[in-house]
Amino acid sequence: MPRPVSLKSALILALPLATLAGQAMAHTGHAGHSGLMGGFLHPMLGWDHLVAMLAVGLWAASLGGRALYALPLAFPLVMALGALAGMAGIALPGVEAGIAASGVVLGLLVAFGLRAPLSVSVALVGVFALFHGHAHGTEMPGGYGPLAYGAGFVLGTMLLHLAGLGLGLAARSGAGRMAMRAAGGLIALTGAAFLLGAA
């Protein structure tokens, strides 16, 4: 089992998120940014994306072992494929519902400390990543280069995964575990609110 990370280290990992979290209101605020910065901000500026990205890191920390790197790597890889499909105009039904459901499901997995085999865990986050990626691709503002925009949202997503991972690894004590489960519950509730809106 990996050695627990100190709270100080976790806060350092979460610092990039903390500087942007105050702006996370909706999928707006891209105007005036470069493609790279616009892509980077896209997962940060929507609560539906942000909570799911954090949940991937938290769940990976909860699972431990190979999940520590498999989940935070699988998500952006599949997400990039979903974004390519979105940019190409390939339809994917139920995107908004899928994004909202990712917050509900991943939040509940964290809240209840549920475990799954690595293959199932990777497949699950991969399915959700497809929806998130498709939304990133279809919502790319005109005038942005797809390469820079894609690099931006992959980087932003990976930082959110690292923030969740760092916080999850720091929360392996009794009190920390309770805080992590409470965070999972809050993520699930946030996803449920979006799911009701998408219905």
N, C-alpha and C. Protein backbone atom coordinates (compact mmCIF):
# COMPACT_ATOMS: atom_id res chain seq x y z
N MET A 1 0.85 -1.20 0.00
CA MET A 1 0.00 0.00 0.00
C MET A 1 0.88 1.24 0.00
N PRO A 2 0.57 2.26 -0.85
CA PRO A 2 1.42 3.44 -0.89
C PRO A 2 1.41 4.20 0.42
N ARG A 3 2.52 4.87 0.70
CA ARG A 3 2.64 5.65 1.93
C ARG A 3 1.70 6.84 1.87
N PRO A 4 0.95 7.14 2.95
CA PRO A 4 0.05 8.28 2.93
C PRO A 4 0.81 9.58 2.69
N VAL A 5 0.18 10.49 1.97
CA VAL A 5 0.77 11.79 1.69
C VAL A 5 0.40 12.74 2.81
N SER A 6 1.34 13.62 3.19
CA SER A 6 1.05 14.57 4.25
C SER A 6 0.01 15.58 3.76
N LEU A 7 -0.67 16.22 4.72
CA LEU A 7 -1.67 17.22 4.37
C LEU A 7 -1.01 18.38 3.63
N LYS A 8 0.20 18.75 4.05
CA LYS A 8 0.92 19.84 3.39
C LYS A 8 1.16 19.52 1.91
N SER A 9 1.59 18.29 1.63
CA SER A 9 1.83 17.88 0.24
C SER A 9 0.54 17.90 -0.57
N ALA A 10 -0.54 17.45 0.06
CA ALA A 10 -1.83 17.43 -0.63
C ALA A 10 -2.29 18.84 -0.98
N LEU A 11 -2.07 19.77 -0.05
CA LEU A 11 -2.47 21.15 -0.30
C LEU A 11 -1.65 21.75 -1.43
N ILE A 12 -0.37 21.39 -1.49
CA ILE A 12 0.48 21.87 -2.59
C ILE A 12 -0.03 21.32 -3.91
N LEU A 13 -0.42 20.02 -3.92
CA LEU A 13 -0.98 19.42 -5.13
C LEU A 13 -2.27 20.12 -5.55
N ALA A 14 -3.06 20.55 -4.57
CA ALA A 14 -4.36 21.13 -4.85
C ALA A 14 -4.30 22.63 -5.15
N LEU A 15 -3.11 23.25 -5.00
CA LEU A 15 -2.99 24.69 -5.16
C LEU A 15 -3.46 25.20 -6.52
N PRO A 16 -3.10 24.53 -7.65
CA PRO A 16 -3.60 25.03 -8.94
C PRO A 16 -5.13 25.07 -8.99
N LEU A 17 -5.76 24.08 -8.36
CA LEU A 17 -7.23 24.05 -8.32
C LEU A 17 -7.77 25.19 -7.48
N ALA A 18 -7.14 25.42 -6.33
CA ALA A 18 -7.64 26.43 -5.41
C ALA A 18 -7.64 27.82 -6.05
N THR A 19 -6.67 28.10 -6.90
CA THR A 19 -6.60 29.42 -7.52
C THR A 19 -7.69 29.64 -8.54
N LEU A 20 -8.27 28.54 -9.05
CA LEU A 20 -9.29 28.66 -10.09
C LEU A 20 -10.68 28.32 -9.62
N ALA A 21 -10.80 27.68 -8.47
CA ALA A 21 -12.10 27.17 -8.03
C ALA A 21 -13.12 28.27 -7.84
N GLY A 22 -12.66 29.45 -7.44
CA GLY A 22 -13.60 30.54 -7.23
C GLY A 22 -14.29 30.98 -8.50
N GLN A 23 -13.67 30.65 -9.66
CA GLN A 23 -14.27 31.04 -10.93
C GLN A 23 -15.24 29.99 -11.45
N ALA A 24 -15.32 28.86 -10.82
CA ALA A 24 -16.06 27.73 -11.38
C ALA A 24 -17.56 27.93 -11.24
N MET A 25 -18.13 28.62 -12.20
CA MET A 25 -19.56 28.91 -12.14
C MET A 25 -20.34 28.27 -13.28
N ALA A 26 -19.78 28.26 -14.47
CA ALA A 26 -20.49 27.69 -15.63
C ALA A 26 -19.51 27.57 -16.77
N HIS A 27 -20.01 27.14 -17.93
CA HIS A 27 -19.14 27.00 -19.10
C HIS A 27 -19.03 28.33 -19.82
N THR A 28 -18.62 29.35 -19.10
CA THR A 28 -18.45 30.66 -19.70
C THR A 28 -17.08 31.17 -19.32
N GLY A 29 -16.75 32.37 -19.79
CA GLY A 29 -15.48 32.95 -19.42
C GLY A 29 -14.34 32.58 -20.33
N HIS A 30 -14.64 31.98 -21.51
CA HIS A 30 -13.58 31.59 -22.42
C HIS A 30 -13.13 32.75 -23.30
N ALA A 31 -13.98 33.75 -23.46
CA ALA A 31 -13.67 34.83 -24.38
C ALA A 31 -12.38 35.52 -23.99
N GLY A 32 -11.57 35.83 -24.99
CA GLY A 32 -10.33 36.54 -24.73
C GLY A 32 -9.17 35.64 -24.38
N HIS A 33 -9.39 34.33 -24.23
CA HIS A 33 -8.32 33.41 -23.91
C HIS A 33 -7.80 32.76 -25.19
N SER A 34 -6.57 32.29 -25.11
CA SER A 34 -6.03 31.49 -26.22
C SER A 34 -6.71 30.13 -26.21
N GLY A 35 -6.49 29.35 -27.28
CA GLY A 35 -7.05 28.01 -27.33
C GLY A 35 -6.57 27.16 -26.17
N LEU A 36 -5.28 27.27 -25.84
CA LEU A 36 -4.73 26.48 -24.74
C LEU A 36 -5.37 26.85 -23.42
N MET A 37 -5.46 28.16 -23.13
CA MET A 37 -6.06 28.60 -21.87
C MET A 37 -7.56 28.33 -21.84
N GLY A 38 -8.22 28.52 -22.99
CA GLY A 38 -9.66 28.23 -23.06
C GLY A 38 -9.94 26.77 -22.77
N GLY A 39 -9.13 25.89 -23.34
CA GLY A 39 -9.29 24.46 -23.07
C GLY A 39 -8.99 24.13 -21.63
N PHE A 40 -7.95 24.76 -21.08
CA PHE A 40 -7.58 24.51 -19.69
C PHE A 40 -8.70 24.91 -18.73
N LEU A 41 -9.35 26.02 -19.03
CA LEU A 41 -10.40 26.52 -18.14
C LEU A 41 -11.71 25.76 -18.27
N HIS A 42 -11.92 25.11 -19.41
CA HIS A 42 -13.23 24.47 -19.64
C HIS A 42 -13.62 23.49 -18.54
N PRO A 43 -12.76 22.54 -18.14
CA PRO A 43 -13.17 21.65 -17.04
C PRO A 43 -13.22 22.34 -15.69
N MET A 44 -12.52 23.48 -15.57
CA MET A 44 -12.51 24.21 -14.30
C MET A 44 -13.76 25.07 -14.11
N LEU A 45 -14.34 25.53 -15.20
CA LEU A 45 -15.42 26.51 -15.11
C LEU A 45 -16.82 25.90 -15.13
N GLY A 46 -16.89 24.61 -15.08
CA GLY A 46 -18.21 23.97 -15.01
C GLY A 46 -18.23 23.00 -13.83
N TRP A 47 -19.12 23.22 -12.91
CA TRP A 47 -19.17 22.35 -11.72
C TRP A 47 -19.40 20.90 -12.08
N ASP A 48 -20.17 20.65 -13.16
CA ASP A 48 -20.44 19.27 -13.55
C ASP A 48 -19.16 18.56 -13.96
N HIS A 49 -18.27 19.26 -14.67
CA HIS A 49 -16.98 18.67 -15.02
C HIS A 49 -16.07 18.59 -13.79
N LEU A 50 -15.99 19.69 -13.08
CA LEU A 50 -15.03 19.80 -11.98
C LEU A 50 -15.22 18.72 -10.92
N VAL A 51 -16.46 18.50 -10.50
CA VAL A 51 -16.68 17.52 -9.42
C VAL A 51 -16.35 16.10 -9.88
N ALA A 52 -16.64 15.79 -11.15
CA ALA A 52 -16.34 14.45 -11.66
C ALA A 52 -14.83 14.22 -11.74
N MET A 53 -14.09 15.25 -12.18
CA MET A 53 -12.63 15.12 -12.29
C MET A 53 -12.00 14.92 -10.92
N LEU A 54 -12.48 15.65 -9.93
CA LEU A 54 -11.99 15.47 -8.56
C LEU A 54 -12.33 14.07 -8.06
N ALA A 55 -13.54 13.61 -8.38
CA ALA A 55 -13.99 12.29 -7.90
C ALA A 55 -13.13 11.17 -8.46
N VAL A 56 -12.67 11.31 -9.70
CA VAL A 56 -11.79 10.29 -10.28
C VAL A 56 -10.52 10.16 -9.44
N GLY A 57 -9.93 11.29 -9.07
CA GLY A 57 -8.74 11.26 -8.23
C GLY A 57 -9.01 10.71 -6.85
N LEU A 58 -10.13 11.12 -6.25
CA LEU A 58 -10.48 10.62 -4.92
C LEU A 58 -10.71 9.11 -4.94
N TRP A 59 -11.41 8.63 -5.95
CA TRP A 59 -11.69 7.19 -6.02
C TRP A 59 -10.41 6.40 -6.28
N ALA A 60 -9.53 6.94 -7.13
CA ALA A 60 -8.24 6.29 -7.38
C ALA A 60 -7.45 6.16 -6.08
N ALA A 61 -7.46 7.22 -5.27
CA ALA A 61 -6.76 7.19 -3.98
C ALA A 61 -7.39 6.16 -3.05
N SER A 62 -8.71 6.07 -3.10
CA SER A 62 -9.43 5.11 -2.27
C SER A 62 -9.10 3.67 -2.66
N LEU A 63 -8.97 3.43 -3.97
CA LEU A 63 -8.68 2.08 -4.45
C LEU A 63 -7.22 1.70 -4.23
N GLY A 64 -6.31 2.67 -4.41
CA GLY A 64 -4.88 2.41 -4.22
C GLY A 64 -4.31 1.51 -5.31
N GLY A 65 -3.08 1.06 -5.10
CA GLY A 65 -2.42 0.17 -6.05
C GLY A 65 -2.30 0.78 -7.44
N ARG A 66 -2.53 -0.04 -8.46
CA ARG A 66 -2.38 0.43 -9.84
C ARG A 66 -3.45 1.44 -10.23
N ALA A 67 -4.54 1.48 -9.49
CA ALA A 67 -5.59 2.47 -9.77
C ALA A 67 -5.09 3.90 -9.58
N LEU A 68 -4.06 4.08 -8.77
CA LEU A 68 -3.52 5.41 -8.50
C LEU A 68 -3.08 6.11 -9.78
N TYR A 69 -2.59 5.35 -10.74
CA TYR A 69 -2.21 5.99 -12.01
C TYR A 69 -3.11 5.56 -13.17
N ALA A 70 -3.73 4.37 -13.07
CA ALA A 70 -4.54 3.88 -14.18
C ALA A 70 -5.77 4.75 -14.42
N LEU A 71 -6.47 5.13 -13.36
CA LEU A 71 -7.69 5.92 -13.53
C LEU A 71 -7.38 7.35 -14.01
N PRO A 72 -6.42 8.06 -13.37
CA PRO A 72 -6.12 9.42 -13.84
C PRO A 72 -5.48 9.47 -15.23
N LEU A 73 -4.99 8.35 -15.74
CA LEU A 73 -4.46 8.32 -17.11
C LEU A 73 -5.53 7.89 -18.11
N ALA A 74 -6.36 6.92 -17.71
CA ALA A 74 -7.39 6.42 -18.62
C ALA A 74 -8.41 7.51 -18.94
N PHE A 75 -8.79 8.29 -17.94
CA PHE A 75 -9.84 9.29 -18.16
C PHE A 75 -9.45 10.29 -19.25
N PRO A 76 -8.29 10.97 -19.15
CA PRO A 76 -7.97 11.95 -20.20
C PRO A 76 -7.74 11.32 -21.58
N LEU A 77 -7.23 10.08 -21.61
CA LEU A 77 -7.02 9.43 -22.90
C LEU A 77 -8.35 9.19 -23.62
N VAL A 78 -9.32 8.63 -22.91
CA VAL A 78 -10.63 8.37 -23.52
C VAL A 78 -11.35 9.69 -23.77
N MET A 79 -11.17 10.65 -22.87
CA MET A 79 -11.79 11.96 -23.04
C MET A 79 -11.33 12.62 -24.34
N ALA A 80 -10.04 12.47 -24.67
CA ALA A 80 -9.53 13.04 -25.92
C ALA A 80 -10.22 12.41 -27.13
N LEU A 81 -10.49 11.11 -27.07
CA LEU A 81 -11.22 10.44 -28.16
C LEU A 81 -12.64 10.98 -28.28
N GLY A 82 -13.29 11.18 -27.13
CA GLY A 82 -14.63 11.75 -27.14
C GLY A 82 -14.64 13.16 -27.71
N ALA A 83 -13.59 13.94 -27.39
CA ALA A 83 -13.49 15.30 -27.91
C ALA A 83 -13.32 15.30 -29.41
N LEU A 84 -12.52 14.37 -29.93
CA LEU A 84 -12.34 14.27 -31.39
C LEU A 84 -13.68 13.96 -32.07
N ALA A 85 -14.46 13.07 -31.45
CA ALA A 85 -15.78 12.75 -32.00
C ALA A 85 -16.67 13.98 -31.99
N GLY A 86 -16.64 14.74 -30.89
CA GLY A 86 -17.45 15.96 -30.80
C GLY A 86 -17.04 16.99 -31.82
N MET A 87 -15.73 17.18 -31.98
CA MET A 87 -15.23 18.15 -32.96
C MET A 87 -15.60 17.75 -34.39
N ALA A 88 -15.67 16.43 -34.62
CA ALA A 88 -16.00 15.93 -35.95
C ALA A 88 -17.49 15.93 -36.22
N GLY A 89 -18.29 16.32 -35.22
CA GLY A 89 -19.73 16.37 -35.40
C GLY A 89 -20.42 15.03 -35.26
N ILE A 90 -19.73 14.04 -34.69
CA ILE A 90 -20.33 12.71 -34.47
C ILE A 90 -21.23 12.80 -33.24
N ALA A 91 -22.48 12.47 -33.41
CA ALA A 91 -23.45 12.60 -32.33
C ALA A 91 -23.24 11.52 -31.27
N LEU A 92 -23.46 11.90 -30.03
CA LEU A 92 -23.44 10.97 -28.90
C LEU A 92 -24.65 11.29 -28.04
N PRO A 93 -25.61 10.38 -27.97
CA PRO A 93 -26.85 10.69 -27.23
C PRO A 93 -26.60 10.78 -25.72
N GLY A 94 -27.37 11.65 -25.09
CA GLY A 94 -27.36 11.73 -23.63
C GLY A 94 -26.09 12.27 -23.01
N VAL A 95 -25.40 13.20 -23.70
CA VAL A 95 -24.12 13.69 -23.20
C VAL A 95 -24.28 14.39 -21.85
N GLU A 96 -25.22 15.33 -21.77
CA GLU A 96 -25.39 16.07 -20.51
C GLU A 96 -25.80 15.15 -19.37
N ALA A 97 -26.69 14.20 -19.65
CA ALA A 97 -27.10 13.24 -18.63
C ALA A 97 -25.92 12.35 -18.22
N GLY A 98 -25.09 11.97 -19.19
CA GLY A 98 -23.92 11.14 -18.88
C GLY A 98 -22.92 11.86 -18.01
N ILE A 99 -22.72 13.15 -18.27
CA ILE A 99 -21.81 13.97 -17.46
C ILE A 99 -22.34 14.08 -16.04
N ALA A 100 -23.63 14.38 -15.92
CA ALA A 100 -24.24 14.50 -14.59
C ALA A 100 -24.19 13.18 -13.84
N ALA A 101 -24.47 12.09 -14.56
CA ALA A 101 -24.45 10.76 -13.93
C ALA A 101 -23.05 10.41 -13.44
N SER A 102 -22.02 10.91 -14.13
CA SER A 102 -20.66 10.63 -13.68
C SER A 102 -20.42 11.19 -12.30
N GLY A 103 -20.93 12.39 -12.03
CA GLY A 103 -20.79 12.97 -10.69
C GLY A 103 -21.53 12.14 -9.64
N VAL A 104 -22.74 11.69 -9.99
CA VAL A 104 -23.53 10.88 -9.05
C VAL A 104 -22.82 9.57 -8.74
N VAL A 105 -22.46 8.84 -9.78
CA VAL A 105 -21.88 7.50 -9.60
C VAL A 105 -20.52 7.57 -8.92
N LEU A 106 -19.63 8.42 -9.46
CA LEU A 106 -18.29 8.51 -8.88
C LEU A 106 -18.34 9.05 -7.44
N GLY A 107 -19.24 10.01 -7.22
CA GLY A 107 -19.40 10.53 -5.86
C GLY A 107 -19.85 9.46 -4.88
N LEU A 108 -20.81 8.63 -5.30
CA LEU A 108 -21.30 7.55 -4.44
C LEU A 108 -20.22 6.49 -4.19
N LEU A 109 -19.40 6.21 -5.21
CA LEU A 109 -18.31 5.26 -5.04
C LEU A 109 -17.33 5.74 -3.97
N VAL A 110 -17.05 7.05 -4.00
CA VAL A 110 -16.16 7.63 -2.98
C VAL A 110 -16.86 7.66 -1.63
N ALA A 111 -18.11 8.10 -1.62
CA ALA A 111 -18.84 8.26 -0.35
C ALA A 111 -18.97 6.95 0.41
N PHE A 112 -19.19 5.85 -0.31
CA PHE A 112 -19.37 4.56 0.35
C PHE A 112 -18.10 3.70 0.35
N GLY A 113 -17.01 4.26 -0.16
CA GLY A 113 -15.75 3.53 -0.17
C GLY A 113 -15.84 2.23 -0.95
N LEU A 114 -16.61 2.24 -2.05
CA LEU A 114 -16.83 1.01 -2.81
C LEU A 114 -15.62 0.69 -3.67
N ARG A 115 -15.32 -0.59 -3.79
CA ARG A 115 -14.17 -1.05 -4.55
C ARG A 115 -14.64 -1.84 -5.76
N ALA A 116 -13.79 -1.90 -6.77
CA ALA A 116 -14.09 -2.68 -7.98
C ALA A 116 -12.77 -3.15 -8.56
N PRO A 117 -12.77 -4.25 -9.32
CA PRO A 117 -11.54 -4.67 -9.99
C PRO A 117 -11.02 -3.55 -10.90
N LEU A 118 -9.72 -3.52 -11.11
CA LEU A 118 -9.12 -2.44 -11.89
C LEU A 118 -9.74 -2.33 -13.28
N SER A 119 -9.98 -3.45 -13.93
CA SER A 119 -10.55 -3.41 -15.29
C SER A 119 -11.93 -2.75 -15.29
N VAL A 120 -12.73 -3.06 -14.28
CA VAL A 120 -14.07 -2.47 -14.18
C VAL A 120 -13.97 -0.98 -13.88
N SER A 121 -13.06 -0.62 -12.98
CA SER A 121 -12.87 0.79 -12.62
C SER A 121 -12.45 1.62 -13.82
N VAL A 122 -11.48 1.10 -14.58
CA VAL A 122 -10.99 1.81 -15.77
C VAL A 122 -12.10 1.93 -16.80
N ALA A 123 -12.86 0.85 -17.01
CA ALA A 123 -13.96 0.88 -17.99
C ALA A 123 -15.02 1.90 -17.58
N LEU A 124 -15.32 1.95 -16.29
CA LEU A 124 -16.35 2.88 -15.80
C LEU A 124 -15.92 4.33 -16.02
N VAL A 125 -14.70 4.68 -15.59
CA VAL A 125 -14.27 6.07 -15.79
C VAL A 125 -14.12 6.37 -17.28
N GLY A 126 -13.78 5.35 -18.08
CA GLY A 126 -13.67 5.54 -19.52
C GLY A 126 -15.00 5.91 -20.16
N VAL A 127 -16.06 5.25 -19.75
CA VAL A 127 -17.39 5.58 -20.28
C VAL A 127 -17.75 7.02 -19.96
N PHE A 128 -17.52 7.42 -18.71
CA PHE A 128 -17.83 8.79 -18.32
C PHE A 128 -16.93 9.79 -19.04
N ALA A 129 -15.66 9.41 -19.24
CA ALA A 129 -14.72 10.30 -19.93
C ALA A 129 -15.18 10.59 -21.36
N LEU A 130 -15.81 9.62 -21.99
CA LEU A 130 -16.31 9.80 -23.35
C LEU A 130 -17.33 10.94 -23.40
N PHE A 131 -18.23 10.97 -22.43
CA PHE A 131 -19.24 12.04 -22.37
C PHE A 131 -18.59 13.39 -22.12
N HIS A 132 -17.68 13.44 -21.15
CA HIS A 132 -17.01 14.71 -20.84
C HIS A 132 -16.23 15.21 -22.05
N GLY A 133 -15.50 14.31 -22.71
CA GLY A 133 -14.72 14.69 -23.87
C GLY A 133 -15.59 15.20 -25.01
N HIS A 134 -16.70 14.52 -25.25
CA HIS A 134 -17.60 14.93 -26.33
C HIS A 134 -18.09 16.36 -26.07
N ALA A 135 -18.43 16.65 -24.83
CA ALA A 135 -18.88 18.01 -24.49
C ALA A 135 -17.76 19.02 -24.73
N HIS A 136 -16.54 18.69 -24.33
CA HIS A 136 -15.41 19.60 -24.58
C HIS A 136 -15.27 19.86 -26.07
N GLY A 137 -15.38 18.80 -26.87
CA GLY A 137 -15.20 18.94 -28.31
C GLY A 137 -16.28 19.77 -28.97
N THR A 138 -17.54 19.51 -28.63
CA THR A 138 -18.64 20.24 -29.27
C THR A 138 -18.73 21.69 -28.78
N GLU A 139 -18.21 21.96 -27.58
CA GLU A 139 -18.29 23.31 -27.03
C GLU A 139 -17.04 24.14 -27.31
N MET A 140 -16.15 23.64 -28.16
CA MET A 140 -14.95 24.40 -28.50
C MET A 140 -15.36 25.69 -29.22
N PRO A 141 -14.98 26.84 -28.67
CA PRO A 141 -15.34 28.10 -29.33
C PRO A 141 -14.67 28.23 -30.70
N GLY A 142 -15.35 28.90 -31.61
CA GLY A 142 -14.80 29.13 -32.94
C GLY A 142 -13.52 29.94 -32.85
N GLY A 143 -12.58 29.64 -33.71
CA GLY A 143 -11.32 30.38 -33.72
C GLY A 143 -10.23 29.73 -32.90
N TYR A 144 -10.58 28.73 -32.08
CA TYR A 144 -9.57 28.02 -31.30
C TYR A 144 -8.97 26.90 -32.15
N GLY A 145 -7.67 26.72 -32.05
CA GLY A 145 -7.04 25.58 -32.69
C GLY A 145 -7.34 24.33 -31.89
N PRO A 146 -7.81 23.25 -32.52
CA PRO A 146 -8.19 22.05 -31.78
C PRO A 146 -7.04 21.42 -31.00
N LEU A 147 -5.81 21.53 -31.52
CA LEU A 147 -4.68 20.93 -30.83
C LEU A 147 -4.39 21.65 -29.51
N ALA A 148 -4.33 22.98 -29.57
CA ALA A 148 -4.05 23.76 -28.36
C ALA A 148 -5.20 23.63 -27.36
N TYR A 149 -6.43 23.70 -27.87
CA TYR A 149 -7.61 23.57 -27.01
C TYR A 149 -7.63 22.20 -26.33
N GLY A 150 -7.37 21.14 -27.12
CA GLY A 150 -7.35 19.79 -26.56
C GLY A 150 -6.26 19.62 -25.52
N ALA A 151 -5.06 20.15 -25.81
CA ALA A 151 -3.97 20.07 -24.83
C ALA A 151 -4.36 20.78 -23.55
N GLY A 152 -5.07 21.90 -23.68
CA GLY A 152 -5.49 22.67 -22.51
C GLY A 152 -6.46 21.90 -21.63
N PHE A 153 -7.50 21.30 -22.22
CA PHE A 153 -8.47 20.62 -21.35
C PHE A 153 -7.93 19.30 -20.81
N VAL A 154 -7.01 18.67 -21.53
CA VAL A 154 -6.36 17.47 -20.97
C VAL A 154 -5.51 17.85 -19.77
N LEU A 155 -4.75 18.94 -19.89
CA LEU A 155 -3.92 19.40 -18.77
C LEU A 155 -4.78 19.80 -17.57
N GLY A 156 -5.85 20.56 -17.83
CA GLY A 156 -6.75 20.96 -16.74
C GLY A 156 -7.37 19.76 -16.05
N THR A 157 -7.79 18.77 -16.84
CA THR A 157 -8.38 17.55 -16.28
C THR A 157 -7.38 16.80 -15.42
N MET A 158 -6.16 16.66 -15.91
CA MET A 158 -5.14 15.92 -15.16
C MET A 158 -4.80 16.62 -13.85
N LEU A 159 -4.78 17.96 -13.85
CA LEU A 159 -4.53 18.69 -12.61
C LEU A 159 -5.65 18.47 -11.59
N LEU A 160 -6.89 18.42 -12.08
CA LEU A 160 -8.01 18.15 -11.18
C LEU A 160 -7.93 16.72 -10.64
N HIS A 161 -7.54 15.76 -11.49
CA HIS A 161 -7.33 14.40 -11.00
C HIS A 161 -6.25 14.37 -9.92
N LEU A 162 -5.15 15.08 -10.16
CA LEU A 162 -4.05 15.11 -9.19
C LEU A 162 -4.48 15.76 -7.88
N ALA A 163 -5.31 16.80 -7.98
CA ALA A 163 -5.81 17.44 -6.76
C ALA A 163 -6.66 16.46 -5.95
N GLY A 164 -7.57 15.75 -6.63
CA GLY A 164 -8.38 14.75 -5.94
C GLY A 164 -7.54 13.62 -5.38
N LEU A 165 -6.54 13.20 -6.16
CA LEU A 165 -5.65 12.13 -5.72
C LEU A 165 -4.86 12.55 -4.49
N GLY A 166 -4.31 13.76 -4.53
CA GLY A 166 -3.54 14.25 -3.39
C GLY A 166 -4.38 14.36 -2.13
N LEU A 167 -5.59 14.90 -2.28
CA LEU A 167 -6.48 15.03 -1.13
C LEU A 167 -6.90 13.66 -0.61
N GLY A 168 -7.14 12.73 -1.54
CA GLY A 168 -7.54 11.39 -1.13
C GLY A 168 -6.44 10.65 -0.40
N LEU A 169 -5.20 10.80 -0.87
CA LEU A 169 -4.07 10.13 -0.21
C LEU A 169 -3.78 10.74 1.16
N ALA A 170 -4.06 12.04 1.30
CA ALA A 170 -3.85 12.69 2.59
C ALA A 170 -4.94 12.32 3.59
N ALA A 171 -6.05 11.80 3.10
CA ALA A 171 -7.22 11.55 3.95
C ALA A 171 -7.35 10.09 4.32
N ARG A 172 -6.24 9.43 4.64
CA ARG A 172 -6.30 8.00 4.95
C ARG A 172 -6.43 7.73 6.45
N SER A 173 -6.42 8.77 7.26
CA SER A 173 -6.68 8.59 8.69
C SER A 173 -8.19 8.46 8.89
N GLY A 174 -8.60 8.14 10.12
CA GLY A 174 -10.03 7.98 10.40
C GLY A 174 -10.83 9.22 10.08
N ALA A 175 -10.38 10.37 10.59
CA ALA A 175 -11.10 11.62 10.36
C ALA A 175 -11.02 12.01 8.90
N GLY A 176 -9.86 11.79 8.28
CA GLY A 176 -9.69 12.12 6.87
C GLY A 176 -10.59 11.28 5.99
N ARG A 177 -10.75 10.01 6.34
CA ARG A 177 -11.62 9.13 5.56
C ARG A 177 -13.06 9.62 5.61
N MET A 178 -13.47 10.07 6.79
CA MET A 178 -14.84 10.59 6.92
C MET A 178 -15.02 11.85 6.07
N ALA A 179 -13.99 12.70 6.06
CA ALA A 179 -14.07 13.93 5.24
C ALA A 179 -14.14 13.58 3.76
N MET A 180 -13.35 12.57 3.35
CA MET A 180 -13.37 12.16 1.95
C MET A 180 -14.73 11.60 1.57
N ARG A 181 -15.32 10.81 2.45
CA ARG A 181 -16.64 10.25 2.15
C ARG A 181 -17.70 11.34 2.10
N ALA A 182 -17.54 12.35 2.97
CA ALA A 182 -18.47 13.48 2.92
C ALA A 182 -18.32 14.23 1.61
N ALA A 183 -17.07 14.37 1.14
CA ALA A 183 -16.83 15.02 -0.16
C ALA A 183 -17.48 14.22 -1.27
N GLY A 184 -17.38 12.90 -1.19
CA GLY A 184 -18.03 12.05 -2.19
C GLY A 184 -19.53 12.25 -2.19
N GLY A 185 -20.12 12.36 -1.01
CA GLY A 185 -21.56 12.60 -0.93
C GLY A 185 -21.95 13.94 -1.54
N LEU A 186 -21.12 14.95 -1.29
CA LEU A 186 -21.38 16.28 -1.86
C LEU A 186 -21.27 16.25 -3.38
N ILE A 187 -20.28 15.52 -3.89
CA ILE A 187 -20.11 15.37 -5.34
C ILE A 187 -21.34 14.68 -5.93
N ALA A 188 -21.81 13.62 -5.26
CA ALA A 188 -22.99 12.90 -5.75
C ALA A 188 -24.22 13.80 -5.78
N LEU A 189 -24.38 14.62 -4.75
CA LEU A 189 -25.52 15.54 -4.71
C LEU A 189 -25.43 16.59 -5.82
N THR A 190 -24.21 17.07 -6.06
CA THR A 190 -24.01 18.04 -7.14
C THR A 190 -24.37 17.40 -8.48
N GLY A 191 -23.89 16.16 -8.69
CA GLY A 191 -24.23 15.45 -9.92
C GLY A 191 -25.72 15.22 -10.05
N ALA A 192 -26.37 14.91 -8.94
CA ALA A 192 -27.82 14.67 -8.97
C ALA A 192 -28.57 15.94 -9.37
N ALA A 193 -28.10 17.09 -8.88
CA ALA A 193 -28.74 18.36 -9.24
C ALA A 193 -28.62 18.59 -10.74
N PHE A 194 -27.45 18.30 -11.31
CA PHE A 194 -27.28 18.45 -12.76
C PHE A 194 -28.09 17.40 -13.52
N LEU A 195 -28.20 16.20 -12.96
CA LEU A 195 -28.96 15.15 -13.62
C LEU A 195 -30.42 15.52 -13.71
N LEU A 196 -30.95 16.11 -12.66
CA LEU A 196 -32.35 16.56 -12.66
C LEU A 196 -32.53 17.65 -13.70
N GLY A 197 -31.53 18.52 -13.84
CA GLY A 197 -31.60 19.59 -14.83
C GLY A 197 -31.50 19.06 -16.25
N ALA A 198 -30.78 17.94 -16.43
CA ALA A 198 -30.60 17.38 -17.77
C ALA A 198 -31.78 16.52 -18.19
N ALA A 199 -32.62 16.11 -17.21
CA ALA A 199 -33.73 15.21 -17.51
C ALA A 199 -34.82 15.91 -18.32
